[in-house]
Amino acid sequence: MNLDWLKVLIAAVFEVCWVIGLKYADDILTWTGTIISIAISFYGLIMAGRKLPVGTVYAVFTGLGTAGTVIMEILLFGESFKLDKILLIGLLLAGVAGLKMVTEAKEGEEA
């Protein structure tokens, strides 16, 4: 995995944090964490988009964020575990992995 895809992965992790934060933040500390997560998430997304195709970066970012949010809701917040939901998340992640495998970074280009 190159550095640009690592940026997408880190941005997706922070996306999960801020999406959950939007639902559960109820004081200044949790709102501050949510806002910081938004900033880090979008900064990583923008930086990765400078070297990788923006459409693919965004698809991978949202796919990983969606899957991560659903999984965290099940693990941390008691959301119902359904096999069909997990299978569909697996299908989503397979599509995201496929996009990543067929996409190459732009060599020598600056945004």
Protein backbone atom coordinates (compact mmCIF):
# COMPACT_ATOMS: atom_id res chain seq x y z
CA MET A 1 0.00 0.00 0.00
CA ASN A 2 1.45 3.35 -0.94
CA LEU A 3 1.27 6.51 1.14
CA ASP A 4 -1.68 7.96 -0.79
CA TRP A 5 -3.88 4.94 -0.10
CA LEU A 6 -2.80 5.07 3.54
CA LYS A 7 -4.12 8.65 3.62
CA VAL A 8 -7.49 7.40 2.34
CA LEU A 9 -7.56 4.69 5.02
CA ILE A 10 -6.73 7.15 7.81
CA ALA A 11 -9.31 9.60 6.46
CA ALA A 12 -11.93 6.82 6.49
CA VAL A 13 -11.11 5.95 10.12
CA PHE A 14 -11.66 9.56 11.10
CA GLU A 15 -14.85 9.61 9.04
CA VAL A 16 -16.21 6.81 11.23
CA CYS A 17 -15.27 8.88 14.30
CA TRP A 18 -17.05 12.01 13.15
CA VAL A 19 -20.14 10.23 11.88
CA ILE A 20 -20.57 8.52 15.24
CA GLY A 21 -19.70 11.82 16.92
CA LEU A 22 -22.53 13.59 15.12
CA LYS A 23 -24.97 11.13 16.68
CA TYR A 24 -23.56 10.91 20.20
CA ALA A 25 -21.83 14.24 20.89
CA ASP A 26 -23.53 16.06 23.73
CA ASP A 27 -20.92 18.32 25.33
CA ILE A 28 -18.11 20.66 24.29
CA LEU A 29 -15.42 17.96 24.51
CA THR A 30 -17.20 15.46 22.27
CA TRP A 31 -18.22 18.18 19.82
CA THR A 32 -14.59 19.36 19.67
CA GLY A 33 -13.45 15.81 18.94
CA THR A 34 -16.08 15.51 16.23
CA ILE A 35 -14.99 18.76 14.56
CA ILE A 36 -11.32 17.73 14.72
CA SER A 37 -12.22 14.37 13.18
CA ILE A 38 -14.04 16.12 10.34
CA ALA A 39 -11.00 18.30 9.64
CA ILE A 40 -8.54 15.37 9.68
CA SER A 41 -10.85 13.24 7.56
CA PHE A 42 -11.31 15.80 4.82
CA TYR A 43 -7.66 16.85 4.89
CA GLY A 44 -6.62 13.23 4.25
CA LEU A 45 -9.20 12.92 1.49
CA ILE A 46 -7.98 16.10 -0.21
CA MET A 47 -4.31 15.10 0.05
CA ALA A 48 -4.96 11.64 -1.41
CA GLY A 49 -7.00 13.18 -4.23
CA ARG A 50 -3.96 15.10 -5.40
CA LYS A 51 -2.25 11.91 -6.61
CA LEU A 52 -5.10 9.44 -7.07
CA PRO A 53 -8.26 9.76 -9.19
CA VAL A 54 -10.77 11.73 -7.16
CA GLY A 55 -13.77 9.55 -8.05
CA THR A 56 -12.00 6.39 -6.93
CA VAL A 57 -10.66 8.04 -3.77
CA TYR A 58 -14.13 9.25 -2.83
CA ALA A 59 -15.73 5.86 -3.54
CA VAL A 60 -13.15 4.06 -1.40
CA PHE A 61 -13.41 6.70 1.34
CA THR A 62 -17.19 6.50 1.58
CA GLY A 63 -17.24 2.71 1.25
CA LEU A 64 -14.75 2.23 4.07
CA GLY A 65 -16.50 4.87 6.15
CA THR A 66 -19.89 3.23 5.66
CA ALA A 67 -18.59 -0.24 6.49
CA GLY A 68 -16.66 1.05 9.50
CA THR A 69 -19.65 2.95 10.84
CA VAL A 70 -21.96 -0.06 10.58
CA ILE A 71 -19.39 -2.34 12.22
CA MET A 72 -18.74 0.12 15.07
CA GLU A 73 -22.47 0.54 15.64
CA ILE A 74 -22.77 -3.25 16.02
CA LEU A 75 -19.69 -3.62 18.24
CA LEU A 76 -20.02 -0.54 20.44
CA PHE A 77 -23.63 0.59 20.46
CA GLY A 78 -25.78 -2.53 20.35
CA GLU A 79 -27.04 -2.27 16.78
CA SER A 80 -28.62 -5.54 15.69
CA PHE A 81 -26.30 -8.10 14.08
CA LYS A 82 -27.85 -9.52 10.93
CA LEU A 83 -26.08 -11.89 8.57
CA ASP A 84 -27.47 -10.20 5.47
CA LYS A 85 -26.16 -6.84 6.69
CA ILE A 86 -22.67 -8.30 7.21
CA LEU A 87 -22.73 -10.01 3.80
CA LEU A 88 -23.66 -6.73 2.12
CA ILE A 89 -20.87 -4.92 3.99
CA GLY A 90 -18.50 -7.64 2.70
CA LEU A 91 -19.74 -7.05 -0.84
CA LEU A 92 -19.19 -3.31 -0.40
CA LEU A 93 -15.65 -3.88 0.85
CA ALA A 94 -14.94 -6.24 -2.06
CA GLY A 95 -15.97 -3.49 -4.47
CA VAL A 96 -13.79 -0.96 -2.64
CA ALA A 97 -10.80 -3.34 -2.75
CA GLY A 98 -11.43 -3.92 -6.44
CA LEU A 99 -11.41 -0.19 -7.16
CA LYS A 100 -8.18 0.21 -5.27
CA MET A 101 -6.51 -2.64 -7.16
CA VAL A 102 -7.34 -1.25 -10.60
CA THR A 103 -6.36 2.35 -9.81
CA GLU A 104 -2.82 3.66 -10.12
CA ALA A 105 -1.37 6.86 -8.73
CA LYS A 106 -0.54 9.60 -11.20
CA GLU A 107 3.22 9.69 -11.65
CA GLY A 108 4.93 13.07 -11.64
CA GLU A 109 1.77 15.17 -11.60
CA GLU A 110 1.03 17.98 -9.19
CA ALA A 111 -2.49 19.12 -8.39
